[in-house]
């Protein structure tokens, strides 16, 4: 499964939960962690939950996030992309839904760069690839 992270500042998990509840379907409740899905025609495409960036990222990755935000992330959202679909339309749509409401950055599995919304939407390239270019990275590695 391919993943992205959204690191947000100047917000709370409660505020982000309320925002996600507006457009996402509740997937399940596991313990205290609510999870959601972003669907297209009833088919889940993105699986969404909260993450603890300071525990889930390597120290050098966390430092890149801190520098981009100017602080520790207040909230981190983890998004897993279904293997049934590319997620090419859904990933930017979801990132826009979140980053238009909250100040933050995104990370993908493919670069060490943290991405701002304008970079993602204008398809800026880092290391020769735009954000979430799983096909391009796959071809480059072949």
Protein backbone atom coordinates (compact mmCIF):
# COMPACT_ATOMS: atom_id res chain seq x y z
CA UNK A 1 0.00 0.00 0.00
CA UNK A 2 1.24 3.51 -0.81
CA UNK A 3 1.05 6.17 1.86
CA UNK A 4 1.17 9.90 2.38
CA UNK A 5 1.40 11.98 5.52
CA UNK A 6 -0.08 15.41 6.15
CA UNK A 7 1.61 17.41 8.91
CA UNK A 8 -0.48 20.29 10.25
CA UNK A 9 0.27 23.19 12.55
CA UNK A 10 -1.87 25.61 14.56
CA UNK A 11 -4.76 23.17 14.96
CA UNK A 12 -5.99 20.36 17.18
CA UNK A 13 -7.01 16.77 16.56
CA UNK A 14 -10.57 17.78 17.53
CA UNK A 15 -10.67 20.47 14.82
CA UNK A 16 -9.24 18.10 12.22
CA UNK A 17 -11.71 15.38 13.24
CA UNK A 18 -14.62 17.76 12.70
CA UNK A 19 -13.25 18.68 9.27
CA UNK A 20 -12.76 15.05 8.22
CA UNK A 21 -16.25 14.19 9.45
CA UNK A 22 -17.66 16.67 6.90
CA UNK A 23 -16.51 14.78 3.78
CA UNK A 24 -15.13 11.41 4.78
CA UNK A 25 -16.97 8.25 5.67
CA UNK A 26 -16.23 6.79 9.09
CA UNK A 27 -14.44 3.55 8.44
CA UNK A 28 -14.19 2.17 11.94
CA UNK A 29 -13.36 2.92 15.51
CA UNK A 30 -10.29 1.14 16.78
CA UNK A 31 -9.71 1.86 20.41
CA UNK A 32 -9.66 5.64 20.68
CA UNK A 33 -8.55 6.22 17.09
CA UNK A 34 -11.27 7.13 14.65
CA UNK A 35 -10.60 6.19 11.05
CA UNK A 36 -12.16 7.39 7.83
CA UNK A 37 -12.26 6.55 4.14
CA UNK A 38 -12.39 8.85 1.11
CA UNK A 39 -14.66 7.17 -1.40
CA UNK A 40 -15.57 7.35 -5.03
CA UNK A 41 -18.95 5.90 -5.91
CA UNK A 42 -19.05 3.91 -2.66
CA UNK A 43 -15.59 2.39 -3.22
CA UNK A 44 -12.99 3.33 -0.55
CA UNK A 45 -9.90 4.77 -2.19
CA UNK A 46 -8.07 6.39 0.73
CA UNK A 47 -7.89 5.08 4.29
CA UNK A 48 -7.32 7.91 6.75
CA UNK A 49 -6.29 8.11 10.39
CA UNK A 50 -4.08 10.01 12.79
CA UNK A 51 -0.39 9.29 13.21
CA UNK A 52 2.28 10.26 15.71
CA UNK A 53 4.96 11.83 13.52
CA UNK A 54 7.60 11.96 16.26
CA UNK A 55 7.30 8.18 16.68
CA UNK A 56 6.68 7.22 13.05
CA UNK A 57 9.38 9.27 11.31
CA UNK A 58 13.12 8.90 11.41
CA UNK A 59 14.85 11.80 13.23
CA UNK A 60 16.18 13.31 9.99
CA UNK A 61 12.71 13.14 8.39
CA UNK A 62 11.20 14.78 11.46
CA UNK A 63 13.75 17.58 11.26
CA UNK A 64 12.73 18.29 7.63
CA UNK A 65 9.09 18.51 8.74
CA UNK A 66 9.99 20.81 11.66
CA UNK A 67 11.91 23.13 9.34
CA UNK A 68 9.04 23.27 6.85
CA UNK A 69 6.43 24.00 9.52
CA UNK A 70 8.62 26.11 11.79
CA UNK A 71 7.56 23.87 14.68
CA UNK A 72 6.55 20.36 15.63
CA UNK A 73 3.41 19.22 13.80
CA UNK A 74 0.33 19.69 15.96
CA UNK A 75 -1.51 16.92 14.09
CA UNK A 76 -0.37 14.33 11.55
CA UNK A 77 -2.78 12.52 9.25
CA UNK A 78 -1.72 9.22 7.71
CA UNK A 79 -3.35 8.27 4.40
CA UNK A 80 -3.05 4.82 2.84
CA UNK A 81 -3.96 4.52 -0.83
CA UNK A 82 -5.86 1.43 -1.93
CA UNK A 83 -4.01 -0.90 -4.26
CA UNK A 84 -7.22 -1.27 -6.28
CA UNK A 85 -6.76 2.14 -7.88
CA UNK A 86 -4.02 4.62 -8.61
CA UNK A 87 -5.51 7.35 -6.44
CA UNK A 88 -4.22 9.92 -8.94
CA UNK A 89 -7.33 12.10 -8.69
CA UNK A 90 -8.28 11.30 -5.10
CA UNK A 91 -4.91 12.04 -3.47
CA UNK A 92 -4.68 15.67 -4.67
CA UNK A 93 -8.40 16.17 -3.96
CA UNK A 94 -7.99 14.97 -0.37
CA UNK A 95 -4.79 16.96 0.18
CA UNK A 96 -6.55 20.09 -1.10
CA UNK A 97 -9.51 19.39 1.19
CA UNK A 98 -7.16 19.30 4.19
CA UNK A 99 -4.49 21.87 3.29
CA UNK A 100 -7.01 24.51 2.21
CA UNK A 101 -8.48 24.29 5.72
CA UNK A 102 -5.27 23.88 7.74
CA UNK A 103 -1.70 25.12 7.41
CA UNK A 104 0.64 22.25 6.72
CA UNK A 105 2.72 20.11 4.39
CA UNK A 106 2.51 16.67 2.80
CA UNK A 107 5.01 13.83 2.40
CA UNK A 108 4.91 10.89 0.03
CA UNK A 109 6.77 7.57 0.09
CA UNK A 110 9.07 8.57 -2.74
CA UNK A 111 11.03 11.70 -1.85
CA UNK A 112 12.43 13.24 1.32
CA UNK A 113 10.92 16.58 0.27
CA UNK A 114 7.96 18.00 2.17
CA UNK A 115 5.40 19.37 -0.23
CA UNK A 116 3.30 22.50 0.00
CA UNK A 117 -0.14 22.48 -1.59
CA UNK A 118 0.84 24.88 -4.37
CA UNK A 119 3.77 22.62 -5.33
CA UNK A 120 1.47 19.58 -5.52
CA UNK A 121 -1.21 21.32 -7.56
CA UNK A 122 1.27 22.89 -9.99
CA UNK A 123 3.13 19.55 -10.32
CA UNK A 124 6.51 20.90 -9.25
CA UNK A 125 9.17 18.21 -9.62
CA UNK A 126 11.71 17.18 -6.99
CA UNK A 127 14.31 14.60 -7.94
CA UNK A 128 12.66 14.63 -11.38
CA UNK A 129 9.22 13.63 -10.10
CA UNK A 130 6.02 15.37 -9.00
CA UNK A 131 4.32 14.51 -5.71
CA UNK A 132 3.12 10.90 -5.35
CA UNK A 133 4.63 9.79 -8.66
CA UNK A 134 4.50 6.07 -7.87
CA UNK A 135 4.48 5.07 -11.56
CA UNK A 136 7.42 7.32 -12.43
CA UNK A 137 9.48 5.99 -9.53
CA UNK A 138 8.57 2.42 -10.45
CA UNK A 139 9.71 2.98 -14.04
CA UNK A 140 12.92 4.71 -12.87
CA UNK A 141 13.80 1.74 -10.65
CA UNK A 142 13.14 -0.84 -13.40
